[in-house]
C-alpha atoms as a PDB file:
ATOM      1  CA  MET A   1     -17.251 101.026-194.421  1.00  0.00           C
ATOM      2  CA  GLY A   2     -16.426  99.166-197.129  1.00  0.00           C
ATOM      3  CA  ARG A   3     -17.080 100.079-200.938  1.00  0.00           C
ATOM      4  CA  SER A   4     -20.583 100.540-202.900  1.00  0.00           C
ATOM      5  CA  PRO A   5     -22.071 100.681-199.468  1.00  0.00           C
ATOM      6  CA  THR A   6     -25.612  99.969-200.466  1.00  0.00           C
ATOM      7  CA  TYR A   7     -28.768  98.642-198.404  1.00  0.00           C
ATOM      8  CA  VAL A   8     -29.061  99.441-194.555  1.00  0.00           C
ATOM      9  CA  ALA A   9     -31.332  97.557-191.641  1.00  0.00           C
ATOM     10  CA  PHE A  10     -31.312  98.642-188.160  1.00  0.00           C
ATOM     11  CA  ASP A  11     -31.320  96.170-185.509  1.00  0.00           C
ATOM     12  CA  GLY A  12     -32.298  98.430-182.361  1.00  0.00           C
ATOM     13  CA  ALA A  13     -28.917  99.921-181.586  1.00  0.00           C
ATOM     14  CA  ASN A  14     -26.748  99.636-184.329  1.00  0.00           C
ATOM     15  CA  ILE A  15     -27.160 100.145-188.252  1.00  0.00           C
ATOM     16  CA  TRP A  16     -25.977  97.195-190.525  1.00  0.00           C
ATOM     17  CA  VAL A  17     -24.808  98.239-194.469  1.00  0.00           C
ATOM     18  CA  THR A  18     -24.054  96.298-197.358  1.00  0.00           C
ATOM     19  CA  ASN A  19     -20.463  96.740-199.074  1.00  0.00           C
ATOM     20  CA  GLN A  20     -21.560  95.260-202.482  1.00  0.00           C
ATOM     21  CA  VAL A  21     -18.027  95.288-204.133  1.00  0.00           C
ATOM     22  CA  ASP A  22     -16.077  94.440-200.728  1.00  0.00           C
ATOM     23  CA  ASN A  23     -19.028  91.648-200.269  1.00  0.00           C
ATOM     24  CA  THR A  24     -19.350  92.356-196.347  1.00  0.00           C
ATOM     25  CA  VAL A  25     -21.490  93.747-193.919  1.00  0.00           C
ATOM     26  CA  SER A  26     -20.610  96.782-191.789  1.00  0.00           C
ATOM     27  CA  LYS A  27     -21.832  97.275-188.404  1.00  0.00           C
ATOM     28  CA  LEU A  28     -21.907 100.857-187.024  1.00  0.00           C
ATOM     29  CA  ARG A  29     -23.414 102.385-183.820  1.00  0.00           C
ATOM     30  CA  ALA A  30     -26.478 104.224-184.817  1.00  0.00           C
ATOM     31  CA  SER A  31     -25.647 106.822-182.188  1.00  0.00           C
ATOM     32  CA  ASP A  32     -22.185 108.240-183.899  1.00  0.00           C
ATOM     33  CA  GLY A  33     -21.920 106.290-186.827  1.00  0.00           C
ATOM     34  CA  ILE A  34     -18.612 104.469-185.735  1.00  0.00           C
ATOM     35  CA  ASN A  35     -17.812 101.154-187.314  1.00  0.00           C
ATOM     36  CA  LEU A  36     -17.800  98.444-185.022  1.00  0.00           C
ATOM     37  CA  GLY A  37     -16.915  95.534-187.442  1.00  0.00           C
ATOM     38  CA  THR A  38     -17.177  94.131-190.833  1.00  0.00           C
ATOM     39  CA  PHE A  39     -18.181  90.886-191.480  1.00  0.00           C
ATOM     40  CA  ALA A  40     -18.114  88.625-194.926  1.00  0.00           C
ATOM     41  CA  THR A  41     -20.667  87.505-196.910  1.00  0.00           C
ATOM     42  CA  GLY A  42     -21.595  85.529-199.870  1.00  0.00           C
ATOM     43  CA  THR A  43     -20.835  87.598-203.149  1.00  0.00           C
ATOM     44  CA  ASP A  44     -22.517  90.475-203.869  1.00  0.00           C
ATOM     45  CA  PRO A  45     -24.525  91.256-200.719  1.00  0.00           C
ATOM     46  CA  ILE A  46     -27.468  93.324-201.829  1.00  0.00           C
ATOM     47  CA  ASP A  47     -30.196  93.664-199.211  1.00  0.00           C
ATOM     48  CA  LEU A  48     -30.400  92.671-195.361  1.00  0.00           C
ATOM     49  CA  ALA A  49     -32.965  92.502-192.648  1.00  0.00           C
ATOM     50  CA  PHE A  50     -32.935  92.025-189.043  1.00  0.00           C
ATOM     51  CA  ASP A  51     -35.712  89.518-187.822  1.00  0.00           C
ATOM     52  CA  GLY A  52     -34.838  89.935-183.870  1.00  0.00           C
ATOM     53  CA  ASN A  53     -32.152  87.973-183.941  1.00  0.00           C
ATOM     54  CA  ASN A  54     -30.144  87.919-186.911  1.00  0.00           C
ATOM     55  CA  ILE A  55     -28.999  90.169-189.581  1.00  0.00           C
ATOM     56  CA  TRP A  56     -29.919  88.136-192.332  1.00  0.00           C
ATOM     57  CA  VAL A  57     -28.294  88.819-196.008  1.00  0.00           C
ATOM     58  CA  THR A  58     -28.838  88.064-199.820  1.00  0.00           C
ATOM     59  CA  ASN A  59     -25.966  87.598-201.895  1.00  0.00           C
ATOM     60  CA  ALA A  60     -27.185  88.056-205.409  1.00  0.00           C
ATOM     61  CA  LEU A  61     -24.301  86.305-207.227  1.00  0.00           C
ATOM     62  CA  ASP A  62     -23.993  83.260-205.689  1.00  0.00           C
ATOM     63  CA  ASN A  63     -27.645  82.943-204.503  1.00  0.00           C
ATOM     64  CA  THR A  64     -27.177  82.558-201.359  1.00  0.00           C
ATOM     65  CA  VAL A  65     -28.017  83.942-197.638  1.00  0.00           C
ATOM     66  CA  SER A  66     -25.924  84.720-195.152  1.00  0.00           C
ATOM     67  CA  ILE A  67     -26.673  84.489-191.398  1.00  0.00           C
ATOM     68  CA  LEU A  68     -24.957  86.926-189.063  1.00  0.00           C
ATOM     69  CA  ARG A  69     -25.612  85.963-185.284  1.00  0.00           C
ATOM     70  CA  GLU A  70     -23.051  88.335-184.097  1.00  0.00           C
ATOM     71  CA  LEU A  71     -25.517  90.351-181.918  1.00  0.00           C
ATOM     72  CA  ALA A  72     -26.476  88.337-179.968  1.00  0.00           C
ATOM     73  CA  GLU A  73     -23.289  86.770-178.873  1.00  0.00           C
ATOM     74  CA  MET A  74     -22.100  90.461-178.164  1.00  0.00           C
ATOM     75  CA  ALA A  75     -24.888  91.174-175.884  1.00  0.00           C
ATOM     76  CA  SER A  76     -23.751  87.741-173.812  1.00  0.00           C
ATOM     77  CA  ILE A  77     -27.740  86.868-173.750  1.00  0.00           C
ATOM     78  CA  GLY A  78     -30.032  84.534-175.385  1.00  0.00           C
ATOM     79  CA  ILE A  79     -31.395  85.421-178.602  1.00  0.00           C
ATOM     80  CA  SER A  80     -34.750  84.588-177.498  1.00  0.00           C
ATOM     81  CA  ALA A  81     -33.963  87.357-174.002  1.00  0.00           C
ATOM     82  CA  LEU A  82     -32.553  89.826-176.720  1.00  0.00           C
ATOM     83  CA  TYR A  83     -35.967  89.663-179.039  1.00  0.00           C
ATOM     84  CA  HIS A  84     -37.883  90.219-175.838  1.00  0.00           C
ATOM     85  CA  HIS A  85     -35.460  93.122-174.628  1.00  0.00           C
ATOM     86  CA  LEU A  86     -35.974  94.588-178.127  1.00  0.00           C
ATOM     87  CA  ARG A  87     -39.545  93.897-178.568  1.00  0.00           C
ATOM     88  CA  ALA A  88     -40.079  95.863-175.067  1.00  0.00           C
ATOM     89  CA  LEU A  89     -37.952  99.019-175.886  1.00  0.00           C
ATOM     90  CA  ILE A  90     -39.372  99.365-179.097  1.00  0.00           C
ATOM     91  CA  ALA A  91     -43.176  97.963-178.839  1.00  0.00           C
ATOM     92  CA  MET A  92     -43.348  95.968-181.629  1.00  0.00           C
ATOM     93  CA  SER A  93     -41.392  92.761-182.745  1.00  0.00           C
ATOM     94  CA  PRO A  94     -37.921  94.044-184.793  1.00  0.00           C
ATOM     95  CA  LEU A  95     -39.440  92.559-188.011  1.00  0.00           C
ATOM     96  CA  GLN A  96     -42.731  94.717-187.565  1.00  0.00           C
ATOM     97  CA  TYR A  97     -39.884  98.118-186.743  1.00  0.00           C
ATOM     98  CA  GLN A  98     -38.093  97.342-189.233  1.00  0.00           C
ATOM     99  CA  LYS A  99     -41.136  97.314-192.233  1.00  0.00           C
ATOM    100  CA  GLN A 100     -42.425 100.459-190.576  1.00  0.00           C
ATOM    101  CA  LEU A 101     -39.251 102.386-191.052  1.00  0.00           C
ATOM    102  CA  ARG A 102     -39.008 100.761-194.702  1.00  0.00           C
ATOM    103  CA  LEU A 103     -42.405 102.047-194.903  1.00  0.00           C
ATOM    104  CA  ALA A 104     -41.923 105.583-193.715  1.00  0.00           C
ATOM    105  CA  ALA A 105     -38.890 105.907-196.093  1.00  0.00           C
ATOM    106  CA  ALA A 106     -41.026 105.500-198.884  1.00  0.00           C
ATOM    107  CA  GLU A 107     -43.351 107.529-198.036  1.00  0.00           C
ATOM    108  CA  SER A 108     -41.072 110.547-197.741  1.00  0.00           C
ATOM    109  CA  GLY A 109     -39.124 109.279-200.904  1.00  0.00           C
ATOM    110  CA  CYS A 110     -35.761 108.632-199.344  1.00  0.00           C
END
């Protein structure tokens, strides 16, 4: 994990964490927290989202958005197939699932 971990997103199997000071995103296996990799982003990554295909990272200081497509490539399946697998697993679109997680966190005060 990098310095200044700030925001997280869940992709159905992994937790992605922005590391603001290092300008990276870390991928952690959700089941045990093992770091599976760290990926470069733009300057000052402040938030991220999973759309069912990609991890999108907003970079505040250079006003850019980074897209990490690594998930589908690692699974060795097409993006459309990955989306359908995730949708079947969680019974909603990955974006709807992420919104549900954020709403639950906000309601619990986390």
